[in-house]
Amino acid sequence: MNNLNNIVIIILTTLILFSCEEKKENDLSKENIKGNVKTIIERTFDVNKKNNDTVFRGNVYYTNFNKDGFKINLKIISKNRNYVELYKYDSVYNLTNWKCFENEKLVFETINKYDKNNNLIEKTEFEFNKYRFKYIYTYSKDSVTEIRFNKFGKMISKTVKILDKKKREIEKLFYNYENILEHKTFFKYNRKNLMTKKINIQFMKMDNKENDSTRILEIVTKYNYEYDKNSNWTKIYSSLSKKDTTFFNYKYEDVNKNWTEQIYNSPYSENLQIIKRKYLYY
């Protein structure tokens, strides 16, 4: 009887631990896509703002997901192009290998390594089967540091992400190969954890040859983000001018209320960019 009780306790403990384990967010959730999607098919068009002439860009995008909502491949097909990305995961859906093919020729590849807590600790990049860069990641309670090295083992850049209690990125610091801070970005969020503001500060070194002095010039740019009720961007505008506002409009004609058409209107383009989506479900 005691043995039976012990077995029951072990089973219950295992179930509790398993239920408390944090579930990894899948790619569909990251992209705010609802339902058990198998494939997303996208076509992009340019529409002239003056005369409404519409031109199909020629590429058809096929993004395929497994039943757990993680990307397994991306295919871009056109008359003169056959582009493929392949994604490979471990048993807990850490991305371990990414490959990119152009017309059946391997162009880029990354190989990732993780620690026992499923934190990414190393990423190695290859271009045309030749070593390109290695990234090393270290973690603290409220930050993640990424250092990029070249093939000779010399540091090229360093990026430090500062996190809040919800593990949201609230600050990002960019350092050059001399470990000098060149750029930093601040982020703010709303109650839905959607980013509403981004502040970029770029540091520029200004040398004065007349008096042999140096000063640091700060260039600050602020961006604001607005969303619709489905948590998709509707506006992006900078602090420099309201004329810089970029608008996004959507149509939701999918059975799961995923957007099926996005209209991208940039003040710097003569054309509207329209993306049309179709969803295939399991």
C-alpha atoms as a PDB file:
ATOM      1  CA  MET A   1       0.000   0.000   0.000  1.00  0.00           C
ATOM      2  CA  ASN A   2       2.897   2.327   0.844  1.00  0.00           C
ATOM      3  CA  ASN A   3       4.495   1.589  -2.529  1.00  0.00           C
ATOM      4  CA  LEU A   4       1.230   2.514  -4.284  1.00  0.00           C
ATOM      5  CA  ASN A   5       1.029   5.786  -2.358  1.00  0.00           C
ATOM      6  CA  ASN A   6       4.629   6.603  -3.296  1.00  0.00           C
ATOM      7  CA  ILE A   7       3.907   5.963  -6.971  1.00  0.00           C
ATOM      8  CA  VAL A   8       0.841   8.228  -6.843  1.00  0.00           C
ATOM      9  CA  ILE A   9       2.882  11.005  -5.176  1.00  0.00           C
ATOM     10  CA  ILE A  10       5.622  10.725  -7.809  1.00  0.00           C
ATOM     11  CA  ILE A  11       3.081  10.886 -10.656  1.00  0.00           C
ATOM     12  CA  LEU A  12       1.305  13.899  -9.128  1.00  0.00           C
ATOM     13  CA  THR A  13       4.604  15.714  -8.525  1.00  0.00           C
ATOM     14  CA  THR A  14       5.679  15.096 -12.130  1.00  0.00           C
ATOM     15  CA  LEU A  15       2.369  16.405 -13.458  1.00  0.00           C
ATOM     16  CA  ILE A  16       2.582  19.537 -11.290  1.00  0.00           C
ATOM     17  CA  LEU A  17       6.147  20.265 -12.401  1.00  0.00           C
ATOM     18  CA  PHE A  18       5.218  19.683 -16.026  1.00  0.00           C
ATOM     19  CA  SER A  19       2.176  21.959 -15.798  1.00  0.00           C
ATOM     20  CA  CYS A  20       4.253  24.711 -14.177  1.00  0.00           C
ATOM     21  CA  GLU A  21       6.954  24.573 -16.864  1.00  0.00           C
ATOM     22  CA  GLU A  22       6.887  27.694 -19.009  1.00  0.00           C
ATOM     23  CA  LYS A  23       5.590  26.916 -22.474  1.00  0.00           C
ATOM     24  CA  LYS A  24       7.695  28.261 -25.325  1.00  0.00           C
ATOM     25  CA  GLU A  25       5.867  30.837 -27.429  1.00  0.00           C
ATOM     26  CA  ASN A  26       5.448  29.601 -30.988  1.00  0.00           C
ATOM     27  CA  ASP A  27       5.915  31.583 -34.196  1.00  0.00           C
ATOM     28  CA  LEU A  28       2.203  31.989 -34.859  1.00  0.00           C
ATOM     29  CA  SER A  29       1.689  33.593 -31.454  1.00  0.00           C
ATOM     30  CA  LYS A  30       4.694  35.896 -31.950  1.00  0.00           C
ATOM     31  CA  GLU A  31       3.139  37.134 -35.199  1.00  0.00           C
ATOM     32  CA  ASN A  32      -0.310  37.525 -33.622  1.00  0.00           C
ATOM     33  CA  ILE A  33      -1.824  34.819 -35.847  1.00  0.00           C
ATOM     34  CA  LYS A  34      -4.796  32.827 -34.560  1.00  0.00           C
ATOM     35  CA  GLY A  35      -5.809  29.241 -35.322  1.00  0.00           C
ATOM     36  CA  ASN A  36      -3.853  26.115 -36.227  1.00  0.00           C
ATOM     37  CA  VAL A  37      -2.299  27.517 -39.393  1.00  0.00           C
ATOM     38  CA  LYS A  38      -0.490  25.176 -41.767  1.00  0.00           C
ATOM     39  CA  THR A  39       0.533  27.625 -44.518  1.00  0.00           C
ATOM     40  CA  ILE A  40       0.423  31.367 -45.139  1.00  0.00           C
ATOM     41  CA  ILE A  41       0.514  32.432 -48.788  1.00  0.00           C
ATOM     42  CA  GLU A  42       1.452  36.050 -49.520  1.00  0.00           C
ATOM     43  CA  ARG A  43       1.498  38.167 -52.644  1.00  0.00           C
ATOM     44  CA  THR A  44       2.709  41.781 -52.740  1.00  0.00           C
ATOM     45  CA  PHE A  45       1.480  44.556 -55.024  1.00  0.00           C
ATOM     46  CA  ASP A  46       2.497  48.164 -55.667  1.00  0.00           C
ATOM     47  CA  VAL A  47      -0.311  50.649 -56.269  1.00  0.00           C
ATOM     48  CA  ASN A  48       0.511  54.089 -57.651  1.00  0.00           C
ATOM     49  CA  LYS A  49      -0.962  56.777 -55.362  1.00  0.00           C
ATOM     50  CA  LYS A  50      -1.831  59.078 -58.275  1.00  0.00           C
ATOM     51  CA  ASN A  51      -3.385  56.824 -60.922  1.00  0.00           C
ATOM     52  CA  ASN A  52      -4.031  53.569 -58.963  1.00  0.00           C
ATOM     53  CA  ASP A  53      -1.990  51.486 -61.429  1.00  0.00           C
ATOM     54  CA  THR A  54      -1.348  48.125 -59.780  1.00  0.00           C
ATOM     55  CA  VAL A  55       1.753  46.004 -60.349  1.00  0.00           C
ATOM     56  CA  PHE A  56       2.316  42.523 -58.931  1.00  0.00           C
ATOM     57  CA  ARG A  57       5.870  42.278 -57.602  1.00  0.00           C
ATOM     58  CA  GLY A  58       6.219  38.745 -58.914  1.00  0.00           C
ATOM     59  CA  ASN A  59       7.126  36.883 -55.714  1.00  0.00           C
ATOM     60  CA  VAL A  60       4.797  34.430 -53.961  1.00  0.00           C
ATOM     61  CA  TYR A  61       5.683  33.662 -50.335  1.00  0.00           C
ATOM     62  CA  TYR A  62       4.764  30.311 -48.742  1.00  0.00           C
ATOM     63  CA  THR A  63       5.406  30.108 -44.984  1.00  0.00           C
ATOM     64  CA  ASN A  64       4.762  26.616 -43.587  1.00  0.00           C
ATOM     65  CA  PHE A  65       4.212  25.743 -39.933  1.00  0.00           C
ATOM     66  CA  ASN A  66       4.014  22.463 -38.036  1.00  0.00           C
ATOM     67  CA  LYS A  67       1.045  21.551 -35.847  1.00  0.00           C
ATOM     68  CA  ASP A  68       2.700  23.187 -32.825  1.00  0.00           C
ATOM     69  CA  GLY A  69       2.819  26.547 -34.618  1.00  0.00           C
ATOM     70  CA  PHE A  70       6.548  26.722 -35.400  1.00  0.00           C
ATOM     71  CA  LYS A  71       7.955  27.587 -38.818  1.00  0.00           C
ATOM     72  CA  ILE A  72       9.400  24.663 -40.728  1.00  0.00           C
ATOM     73  CA  ASN A  73      10.203  26.425 -43.981  1.00  0.00           C
ATOM     74  CA  LEU A  74       9.724  29.542 -46.072  1.00  0.00           C
ATOM     75  CA  LYS A  75       9.574  29.401 -49.861  1.00  0.00           C
ATOM     76  CA  ILE A  76       9.686  32.400 -52.211  1.00  0.00           C
ATOM     77  CA  ILE A  77       8.853  31.510 -55.770  1.00  0.00           C
ATOM     78  CA  SER A  78       8.978  33.656 -58.908  1.00  0.00           C
ATOM     79  CA  LYS A  79       9.955  33.260 -62.565  1.00  0.00           C
ATOM     80  CA  ASN A  80      13.678  33.687 -61.967  1.00  0.00           C
ATOM     81  CA  ARG A  81      13.968  32.893 -58.296  1.00  0.00           C
ATOM     82  CA  ASN A  82      13.597  29.913 -56.030  1.00  0.00           C
ATOM     83  CA  TYR A  83      14.381  30.894 -52.450  1.00  0.00           C
ATOM     84  CA  VAL A  84      14.026  28.505 -49.492  1.00  0.00           C
ATOM     85  CA  GLU A  85      14.617  28.775 -45.745  1.00  0.00           C
ATOM     86  CA  LEU A  86      14.682  25.652 -43.565  1.00  0.00           C
ATOM     87  CA  TYR A  87      14.234  25.620 -39.771  1.00  0.00           C
ATOM     88  CA  LYS A  88      15.375  22.796 -37.492  1.00  0.00           C
ATOM     89  CA  TYR A  89      14.599  22.519 -33.752  1.00  0.00           C
ATOM     90  CA  ASP A  90      15.486  20.393 -30.751  1.00  0.00           C
ATOM     91  CA  SER A  91      12.903  18.554 -28.635  1.00  0.00           C
ATOM     92  CA  VAL A  92      11.771  21.746 -26.839  1.00  0.00           C
ATOM     93  CA  TYR A  93      11.675  23.890 -29.990  1.00  0.00           C
ATOM     94  CA  ASN A  94      14.931  25.748 -29.592  1.00  0.00           C
ATOM     95  CA  LEU A  95      16.029  26.698 -33.098  1.00  0.00           C
ATOM     96  CA  THR A  96      19.253  24.748 -33.654  1.00  0.00           C
ATOM     97  CA  ASN A  97      19.817  25.190 -37.376  1.00  0.00           C
ATOM     98  CA  TRP A  98      18.691  27.649 -40.055  1.00  0.00           C
ATOM     99  CA  LYS A  99      19.570  27.303 -43.740  1.00  0.00           C
ATOM    100  CA  CYS A 100      18.918  29.611 -46.662  1.00  0.00           C
ATOM    101  CA  PHE A 101      19.031  28.416 -50.281  1.00  0.00           C
ATOM    102  CA  GLU A 102      18.946  30.537 -53.436  1.00  0.00           C
ATOM    103  CA  ASN A 103      18.109  28.537 -56.580  1.00  0.00           C
ATOM    104  CA  GLU A 104      19.031  25.323 -54.700  1.00  0.00           C
ATOM    105  CA  LYS A 105      22.452  26.658 -53.645  1.00  0.00           C
ATOM    106  CA  LEU A 106      23.217  27.031 -49.941  1.00  0.00           C
ATOM    107  CA  VAL A 107      23.822  30.732 -49.240  1.00  0.00           C
ATOM    108  CA  PHE A 108      23.567  31.207 -45.458  1.00  0.00           C
ATOM    109  CA  GLU A 109      23.486  28.911 -42.442  1.00  0.00           C
ATOM    110  CA  THR A 110      23.397  29.400 -38.675  1.00  0.00           C
ATOM    111  CA  ILE A 111      24.065  26.802 -35.988  1.00  0.00           C
ATOM    112  CA  ASN A 112      22.818  27.538 -32.462  1.00  0.00           C
ATOM    113  CA  LYS A 113      23.767  26.088 -29.086  1.00  0.00           C
ATOM    114  CA  TYR A 114      21.797  26.338 -25.810  1.00  0.00           C
ATOM    115  CA  ASP A 115      22.476  25.808 -22.113  1.00  0.00           C
ATOM    116  CA  LYS A 116      20.475  23.575 -19.761  1.00  0.00           C
ATOM    117  CA  ASN A 117      17.993  26.433 -19.194  1.00  0.00           C
ATOM    118  CA  ASN A 118      17.320  26.703 -22.954  1.00  0.00           C
ATOM    119  CA  ASN A 119      19.156  30.013 -23.223  1.00  0.00           C
ATOM    120  CA  LEU A 120      20.931  30.641 -26.503  1.00  0.00           C
ATOM    121  CA  ILE A 121      24.667  30.749 -25.669  1.00  0.00           C
ATOM    122  CA  GLU A 122      26.330  30.511 -29.083  1.00  0.00           C
ATOM    123  CA  LYS A 123      25.415  31.184 -32.706  1.00  0.00           C
ATOM    124  CA  THR A 124      27.750  30.537 -35.637  1.00  0.00           C
ATOM    125  CA  GLU A 125      27.080  32.017 -39.082  1.00  0.00           C
ATOM    126  CA  PHE A 126      28.277  30.680 -42.414  1.00  0.00           C
ATOM    127  CA  GLU A 127      28.066  32.242 -45.866  1.00  0.00           C
ATOM    128  CA  PHE A 128      28.542  29.988 -48.903  1.00  0.00           C
ATOM    129  CA  ASN A 129      29.836  27.288 -46.499  1.00  0.00           C
ATOM    130  CA  LYS A 130      32.536  29.628 -45.181  1.00  0.00           C
ATOM    131  CA  TYR A 131      32.796  30.771 -41.562  1.00  0.00           C
ATOM    132  CA  ARG A 132      31.483  34.316 -41.146  1.00  0.00           C
ATOM    133  CA  PHE A 133      30.747  35.312 -37.537  1.00  0.00           C
ATOM    134  CA  LYS A 134      30.315  33.809 -34.104  1.00  0.00           C
ATOM    135  CA  TYR A 135      28.002  35.287 -31.466  1.00  0.00           C
ATOM    136  CA  ILE A 136      28.434  34.553 -27.745  1.00  0.00           C
ATOM    137  CA  TYR A 137      25.551  35.233 -25.313  1.00  0.00           C
ATOM    138  CA  THR A 138      25.716  35.752 -21.560  1.00  0.00           C
ATOM    139  CA  TYR A 139      22.829  36.303 -19.155  1.00  0.00           C
ATOM    140  CA  SER A 140      22.183  38.080 -15.883  1.00  0.00           C
ATOM    141  CA  LYS A 141      18.981  38.678 -13.940  1.00  0.00           C
ATOM    142  CA  ASP A 142      17.973  41.703 -16.010  1.00  0.00           C
ATOM    143  CA  SER A 143      20.169  41.688 -19.129  1.00  0.00           C
ATOM    144  CA  VAL A 144      21.384  39.700 -22.124  1.00  0.00           C
ATOM    145  CA  THR A 145      24.760  40.445 -23.724  1.00  0.00           C
ATOM    146  CA  GLU A 146      25.641  39.473 -27.289  1.00  0.00           C
ATOM    147  CA  ILE A 147      29.264  39.724 -28.517  1.00  0.00           C
ATOM    148  CA  ARG A 148      30.055  39.201 -32.198  1.00  0.00           C
ATOM    149  CA  PHE A 149      33.477  37.884 -33.238  1.00  0.00           C
ATOM    150  CA  ASN A 150      35.105  37.584 -36.660  1.00  0.00           C
ATOM    151  CA  LYS A 151      36.946  34.509 -37.937  1.00  0.00           C
ATOM    152  CA  PHE A 152      40.138  35.674 -36.188  1.00  0.00           C
ATOM    153  CA  GLY A 153      38.404  35.775 -32.810  1.00  0.00           C
ATOM    154  CA  LYS A 154      38.360  39.567 -32.557  1.00  0.00           C
ATOM    155  CA  MET A 155      35.299  41.379 -31.219  1.00  0.00           C
ATOM    156  CA  ILE A 156      33.400  43.299 -33.907  1.00  0.00           C
ATOM    157  CA  SER A 157      30.463  44.526 -31.872  1.00  0.00           C
ATOM    158  CA  LYS A 158      28.593  44.115 -28.594  1.00  0.00           C
ATOM    159  CA  THR A 159      24.896  44.494 -27.863  1.00  0.00           C
ATOM    160  CA  VAL A 160      23.379  44.602 -24.371  1.00  0.00           C
ATOM    161  CA  LYS A 161      19.630  44.187 -23.853  1.00  0.00           C
ATOM    162  CA  ILE A 162      18.177  45.452 -20.568  1.00  0.00           C
ATOM    163  CA  LEU A 163      14.993  43.662 -19.438  1.00  0.00           C
ATOM    164  CA  ASP A 164      12.217  44.580 -17.027  1.00  0.00           C
ATOM    165  CA  LYS A 165      10.479  42.253 -14.564  1.00  0.00           C
ATOM    166  CA  LYS A 166       8.265  40.908 -17.372  1.00  0.00           C
ATOM    167  CA  LYS A 167      11.383  40.098 -19.440  1.00  0.00           C
ATOM    168  CA  ARG A 168      10.479  42.828 -21.933  1.00  0.00           C
ATOM    169  CA  GLU A 169      13.311  44.643 -23.648  1.00  0.00           C
ATOM    170  CA  ILE A 170      13.342  48.208 -22.281  1.00  0.00           C
ATOM    171  CA  GLU A 171      16.805  49.335 -23.348  1.00  0.00           C
ATOM    172  CA  LYS A 172      19.350  48.255 -25.949  1.00  0.00           C
ATOM    173  CA  LEU A 173      22.998  49.359 -26.007  1.00  0.00           C
ATOM    174  CA  PHE A 174      25.233  49.060 -29.083  1.00  0.00           C
ATOM    175  CA  TYR A 175      29.041  49.068 -28.786  1.00  0.00           C
ATOM    176  CA  ASN A 176      31.660  49.053 -31.554  1.00  0.00           C
ATOM    177  CA  TYR A 177      34.798  46.915 -31.868  1.00  0.00           C
ATOM    178  CA  GLU A 178      36.601  49.231 -29.413  1.00  0.00           C
ATOM    179  CA  ASN A 179      33.834  48.675 -26.852  1.00  0.00           C
ATOM    180  CA  ILE A 180      32.697  52.299 -27.201  1.00  0.00           C
ATOM    181  CA  LEU A 181      28.963  53.011 -26.909  1.00  0.00           C
ATOM    182  CA  GLU A 182      27.686  54.243 -30.295  1.00  0.00           C
ATOM    183  CA  HIS A 183      23.947  53.933 -30.055  1.00  0.00           C
ATOM    184  CA  LYS A 184      21.209  53.094 -27.574  1.00  0.00           C
ATOM    185  CA  THR A 185      17.468  52.573 -27.798  1.00  0.00           C
ATOM    186  CA  PHE A 186      14.697  52.779 -25.191  1.00  0.00           C
ATOM    187  CA  PHE A 187      11.341  50.987 -25.447  1.00  0.00           C
ATOM    188  CA  LYS A 188       7.972  51.563 -23.773  1.00  0.00           C
ATOM    189  CA  TYR A 189       4.919  49.273 -23.731  1.00  0.00           C
ATOM    190  CA  ASN A 190       1.207  49.380 -23.030  1.00  0.00           C
ATOM    191  CA  ARG A 191      -0.848  47.028 -20.858  1.00  0.00           C
ATOM    192  CA  LYS A 192      -1.068  44.519 -23.715  1.00  0.00           C
ATOM    193  CA  ASN A 193       2.754  44.388 -23.860  1.00  0.00           C
ATOM    194  CA  LEU A 194       2.711  46.124 -27.246  1.00  0.00           C
ATOM    195  CA  MET A 195       5.538  48.547 -27.916  1.00  0.00           C
ATOM    196  CA  THR A 196       4.178  52.096 -28.050  1.00  0.00           C
ATOM    197  CA  LYS A 197       7.351  54.167 -28.116  1.00  0.00           C
ATOM    198  CA  LYS A 198      10.946  53.758 -29.271  1.00  0.00           C
ATOM    199  CA  ILE A 199      13.640  56.342 -28.595  1.00  0.00           C
ATOM    200  CA  ASN A 200      16.909  56.121 -30.537  1.00  0.00           C
ATOM    201  CA  ILE A 201      19.992  57.994 -29.365  1.00  0.00           C
ATOM    202  CA  GLN A 202      23.019  57.962 -31.644  1.00  0.00           C
ATOM    203  CA  PHE A 203      26.387  59.208 -30.403  1.00  0.00           C
ATOM    204  CA  MET A 204      28.608  60.892 -32.965  1.00  0.00           C
ATOM    205  CA  LYS A 205      32.207  61.822 -32.269  1.00  0.00           C
ATOM    206  CA  MET A 206      33.019  65.351 -33.472  1.00  0.00           C
ATOM    207  CA  ASP A 207      36.679  66.384 -33.695  1.00  0.00           C
ATOM    208  CA  ASN A 208      37.664  70.035 -33.631  1.00  0.00           C
ATOM    209  CA  LYS A 209      41.061  70.387 -35.305  1.00  0.00           C
ATOM    210  CA  GLU A 210      41.421  74.057 -34.345  1.00  0.00           C
ATOM    211  CA  ASN A 211      41.686  73.441 -30.617  1.00  0.00           C
ATOM    212  CA  ASP A 212      42.419  69.705 -30.769  1.00  0.00           C
ATOM    213  CA  SER A 213      39.267  68.819 -28.835  1.00  0.00           C
ATOM    214  CA  THR A 214      36.532  66.204 -29.184  1.00  0.00           C
ATOM    215  CA  ARG A 215      32.888  66.338 -28.268  1.00  0.00           C
ATOM    216  CA  ILE A 216      30.091  63.825 -28.489  1.00  0.00           C
ATOM    217  CA  LEU A 217      26.976  64.832 -30.391  1.00  0.00           C
ATOM    218  CA  GLU A 218      23.697  63.107 -29.462  1.00  0.00           C
ATOM    219  CA  ILE A 219      21.078  62.624 -32.183  1.00  0.00           C
ATOM    220  CA  VAL A 220      17.701  61.713 -30.689  1.00  0.00           C
ATOM    221  CA  THR A 221      14.792  60.300 -32.691  1.00  0.00           C
ATOM    222  CA  LYS A 222      11.492  59.231 -31.112  1.00  0.00           C
ATOM    223  CA  TYR A 223       8.983  56.868 -32.737  1.00  0.00           C
ATOM    224  CA  ASN A 224       5.400  56.292 -31.631  1.00  0.00           C
ATOM    225  CA  TYR A 225       3.299  53.232 -32.455  1.00  0.00           C
ATOM    226  CA  GLU A 226      -0.487  52.873 -32.536  1.00  0.00           C
ATOM    227  CA  TYR A 227      -2.539  49.677 -32.900  1.00  0.00           C
ATOM    228  CA  ASP A 228      -6.015  48.546 -33.854  1.00  0.00           C
ATOM    229  CA  LYS A 229      -8.230  46.350 -31.652  1.00  0.00           C
ATOM    230  CA  ASN A 230      -6.521  43.264 -33.127  1.00  0.00           C
ATOM    231  CA  SER A 231      -3.104  44.468 -31.895  1.00  0.00           C
ATOM    232  CA  ASN A 232      -1.772  45.211 -35.394  1.00  0.00           C
ATOM    233  CA  TRP A 233       0.119  48.416 -36.220  1.00  0.00           C
ATOM    234  CA  THR A 234      -1.960  51.254 -37.644  1.00  0.00           C
ATOM    235  CA  LYS A 235       0.479  54.152 -37.328  1.00  0.00           C
ATOM    236  CA  ILE A 236       4.192  54.742 -36.890  1.00  0.00           C
ATOM    237  CA  TYR A 237       5.340  58.329 -36.602  1.00  0.00           C
ATOM    238  CA  SER A 238       8.475  60.113 -35.427  1.00  0.00           C
ATOM    239  CA  SER A 239       8.933  63.119 -33.189  1.00  0.00           C
ATOM    240  CA  LEU A 240      10.566  65.061 -36.022  1.00  0.00           C
ATOM    241  CA  SER A 241       7.376  65.640 -38.015  1.00  0.00           C
ATOM    242  CA  LYS A 242       3.823  64.346 -38.304  1.00  0.00           C
ATOM    243  CA  LYS A 243       4.476  64.282 -42.051  1.00  0.00           C
ATOM    244  CA  ASP A 244       6.703  61.284 -41.413  1.00  0.00           C
ATOM    245  CA  THR A 245       3.724  59.170 -40.326  1.00  0.00           C
ATOM    246  CA  THR A 246       3.489  55.703 -41.852  1.00  0.00           C
ATOM    247  CA  PHE A 247      -0.025  54.219 -41.973  1.00  0.00           C
ATOM    248  CA  PHE A 248      -1.142  50.583 -41.953  1.00  0.00           C
ATOM    249  CA  ASN A 249      -4.680  49.542 -42.861  1.00  0.00           C
ATOM    250  CA  TYR A 250      -6.059  46.007 -42.704  1.00  0.00           C
ATOM    251  CA  LYS A 251      -8.838  43.793 -43.943  1.00  0.00           C
ATOM    252  CA  TYR A 252      -9.916  40.863 -41.774  1.00  0.00           C
ATOM    253  CA  GLU A 253     -11.684  38.359 -44.010  1.00  0.00           C
ATOM    254  CA  ASP A 254     -10.299  35.162 -42.505  1.00  0.00           C
ATOM    255  CA  VAL A 255     -12.375  32.692 -40.489  1.00  0.00           C
ATOM    256  CA  ASN A 256     -10.121  33.297 -37.436  1.00  0.00           C
ATOM    257  CA  LYS A 257     -10.040  37.088 -37.918  1.00  0.00           C
ATOM    258  CA  ASN A 258      -6.428  37.110 -39.092  1.00  0.00           C
ATOM    259  CA  TRP A 259      -5.679  39.957 -41.465  1.00  0.00           C
ATOM    260  CA  THR A 260      -5.947  39.084 -45.145  1.00  0.00           C
ATOM    261  CA  GLU A 261      -4.802  42.409 -46.586  1.00  0.00           C
ATOM    262  CA  GLN A 262      -2.334  44.975 -45.299  1.00  0.00           C
ATOM    263  CA  ILE A 263      -1.969  48.387 -46.959  1.00  0.00           C
ATOM    264  CA  TYR A 264       1.345  50.065 -46.183  1.00  0.00           C
ATOM    265  CA  ASN A 265       1.423  53.808 -46.855  1.00  0.00           C
ATOM    266  CA  SER A 266       4.812  55.477 -46.455  1.00  0.00           C
ATOM    267  CA  PRO A 267       5.236  59.243 -46.958  1.00  0.00           C
ATOM    268  CA  TYR A 268       8.524  58.534 -48.747  1.00  0.00           C
ATOM    269  CA  SER A 269       7.065  56.334 -51.485  1.00  0.00           C
ATOM    270  CA  GLU A 270       4.983  57.115 -54.570  1.00  0.00           C
ATOM    271  CA  ASN A 271       3.275  53.745 -54.192  1.00  0.00           C
ATOM    272  CA  LEU A 272       1.116  51.998 -51.681  1.00  0.00           C
ATOM    273  CA  GLN A 273       2.361  48.534 -50.836  1.00  0.00           C
ATOM    274  CA  ILE A 274      -0.378  45.922 -50.493  1.00  0.00           C
ATOM    275  CA  ILE A 275       0.198  42.468 -49.046  1.00  0.00           C
ATOM    276  CA  LYS A 276      -2.562  39.921 -49.627  1.00  0.00           C
ATOM    277  CA  ARG A 277      -2.645  36.820 -47.433  1.00  0.00           C
ATOM    278  CA  LYS A 278      -4.367  33.472 -47.597  1.00  0.00           C
ATOM    279  CA  TYR A 279      -4.370  31.022 -44.688  1.00  0.00           C
ATOM    280  CA  LEU A 280      -4.473  27.224 -44.965  1.00  0.00           C
ATOM    281  CA  TYR A 281      -5.355  25.343 -41.774  1.00  0.00           C
ATOM    282  CA  TYR A 282      -4.718  21.843 -40.445  1.00  0.00           C
END
